[in-house]
C-alpha atoms as a PDB file:
ATOM      1  CA  MET A   1      77.877  20.831  24.798  1.00  0.00           C
ATOM      2  CA  ASP A   2      75.023  19.287  26.760  1.00  0.00           C
ATOM      3  CA  LYS A   3      71.492  18.295  25.729  1.00  0.00           C
ATOM      4  CA  CYS A   4      68.532  20.551  26.514  1.00  0.00           C
ATOM      5  CA  GLU A   5      66.583  19.427  29.608  1.00  0.00           C
ATOM      6  CA  ARG A   6      63.219  20.339  28.030  1.00  0.00           C
ATOM      7  CA  CYS A   7      63.371  18.872  24.522  1.00  0.00           C
ATOM      8  CA  SER A   8      66.574  16.786  24.865  1.00  0.00           C
ATOM      9  CA  LEU A   9      67.184  17.355  21.150  1.00  0.00           C
ATOM     10  CA  SER A  10      69.215  20.529  20.898  1.00  0.00           C
ATOM     11  CA  ASN A  11      72.567  21.285  22.422  1.00  0.00           C
ATOM     12  CA  TYR A  12      73.380  24.247  24.617  1.00  0.00           C
ATOM     13  CA  ASN A  13      76.568  25.609  26.085  1.00  0.00           C
ATOM     14  CA  PRO A  14      76.478  25.220  29.903  1.00  0.00           C
ATOM     15  CA  ASN A  15      79.092  27.968  30.323  1.00  0.00           C
ATOM     16  CA  TYR A  16      76.878  30.476  28.498  1.00  0.00           C
ATOM     17  CA  ASN A  17      73.461  29.179  29.529  1.00  0.00           C
ATOM     18  CA  PRO A  18      72.846  28.269  33.200  1.00  0.00           C
ATOM     19  CA  LEU A  19      69.182  27.357  32.496  1.00  0.00           C
ATOM     20  CA  HIS A  20      70.077  24.059  30.771  1.00  0.00           C
ATOM     21  CA  LEU A  21      67.730  24.924  27.874  1.00  0.00           C
ATOM     22  CA  CYS A  22      68.455  25.302  24.181  1.00  0.00           C
ATOM     23  CA  MET A  23      67.728  28.584  22.369  1.00  0.00           C
ATOM     24  CA  ALA A  24      64.464  27.364  20.842  1.00  0.00           C
ATOM     25  CA  CYS A  25      63.052  26.249  24.214  1.00  0.00           C
ATOM     26  CA  ARG A  26      64.179  29.473  25.896  1.00  0.00           C
ATOM     27  CA  ALA A  27      62.413  31.452  23.167  1.00  0.00           C
ATOM     28  CA  GLU A  28      59.201  29.401  23.502  1.00  0.00           C
ATOM     29  CA  LEU A  29      59.193  30.007  27.246  1.00  0.00           C
ATOM     30  CA  GLY A  30      59.834  33.733  26.777  1.00  0.00           C
ATOM     31  CA  LEU A  31      63.257  33.554  28.413  1.00  0.00           C
ATOM     32  CA  MET A  32      65.234  34.940  25.496  1.00  0.00           C
ATOM     33  CA  LYS A  33      65.620  38.323  23.869  1.00  0.00           C
ATOM     34  CA  GLU A  34      63.694  38.524  20.600  1.00  0.00           C
ATOM     35  CA  SER A  35      66.836  39.655  18.765  1.00  0.00           C
ATOM     36  CA  GLU A  36      68.679  36.497  19.872  1.00  0.00           C
ATOM     37  CA  TYR A  37      65.829  34.297  18.653  1.00  0.00           C
ATOM     38  CA  GLN A  38      65.511  36.107  15.312  1.00  0.00           C
ATOM     39  CA  HIS A  39      69.240  35.660  14.741  1.00  0.00           C
ATOM     40  CA  LYS A  40      68.997  31.947  15.525  1.00  0.00           C
ATOM     41  CA  LYS A  41      66.023  31.526  13.160  1.00  0.00           C
ATOM     42  CA  ARG A  42      67.943  33.310  10.423  1.00  0.00           C
ATOM     43  CA  VAL A  43      70.914  30.993  10.883  1.00  0.00           C
ATOM     44  CA  ARG A  44      68.691  27.887  10.636  1.00  0.00           C
ATOM     45  CA  LEU A  45      67.324  28.667   7.145  1.00  0.00           C
ATOM     46  CA  THR A  46      67.876  25.810   4.770  1.00  0.00           C
ATOM     47  CA  GLU A  47      69.305  26.400   1.331  1.00  0.00           C
ATOM     48  CA  ALA A  48      65.880  25.749  -0.252  1.00  0.00           C
ATOM     49  CA  GLU A  49      64.227  28.326   2.028  1.00  0.00           C
ATOM     50  CA  LEU A  50      66.934  30.845   1.232  1.00  0.00           C
ATOM     51  CA  ASN A  51      66.543  30.254  -2.509  1.00  0.00           C
ATOM     52  CA  LYS A  52      62.769  30.728  -2.237  1.00  0.00           C
ATOM     53  CA  ILE A  53      63.243  34.042  -0.431  1.00  0.00           C
ATOM     54  CA  LEU A  54      65.734  35.201  -3.056  1.00  0.00           C
ATOM     55  CA  ASP A  55      63.399  34.114  -5.885  1.00  0.00           C
ATOM     56  CA  ASP A  56      60.481  35.974  -4.283  1.00  0.00           C
ATOM     57  CA  ARG A  57      62.620  39.077  -3.878  1.00  0.00           C
ATOM     58  CA  GLN A  58      63.715  38.903  -7.522  1.00  0.00           C
ATOM     59  CA  ARG A  59      60.104  38.439  -8.683  1.00  0.00           C
ATOM     60  CA  VAL A  60      59.026  41.540  -6.735  1.00  0.00           C
ATOM     61  CA  GLN A  61      61.873  43.562  -8.243  1.00  0.00           C
ATOM     62  CA  ASP A  62      60.892  42.389 -11.734  1.00  0.00           C
ATOM     63  CA  MET A  63      57.257  43.389 -11.148  1.00  0.00           C
ATOM     64  CA  GLN A  64      58.341  46.811  -9.877  1.00  0.00           C
ATOM     65  CA  GLU A  65      60.432  47.359 -13.013  1.00  0.00           C
ATOM     66  CA  GLU A  66      57.487  46.374 -15.236  1.00  0.00           C
ATOM     67  CA  LEU A  67      55.323  48.999 -13.534  1.00  0.00           C
ATOM     68  CA  ARG A  68      57.835  51.776 -14.316  1.00  0.00           C
END
């Protein structure tokens, strides 16, 4: 794995990516399919963010049940 030439923070696979840019930089520059970027964002969720999403989902389900 090599470092991104634009941000020099993220790694990229030179065999898969001839642009020498990480996924985040490729997405910012519009050089990536939206589906690829959405998948990458989903993978980067922290445990706290995931728990918040699950809590919000549960709260909505509880409110829907109360309305029935």
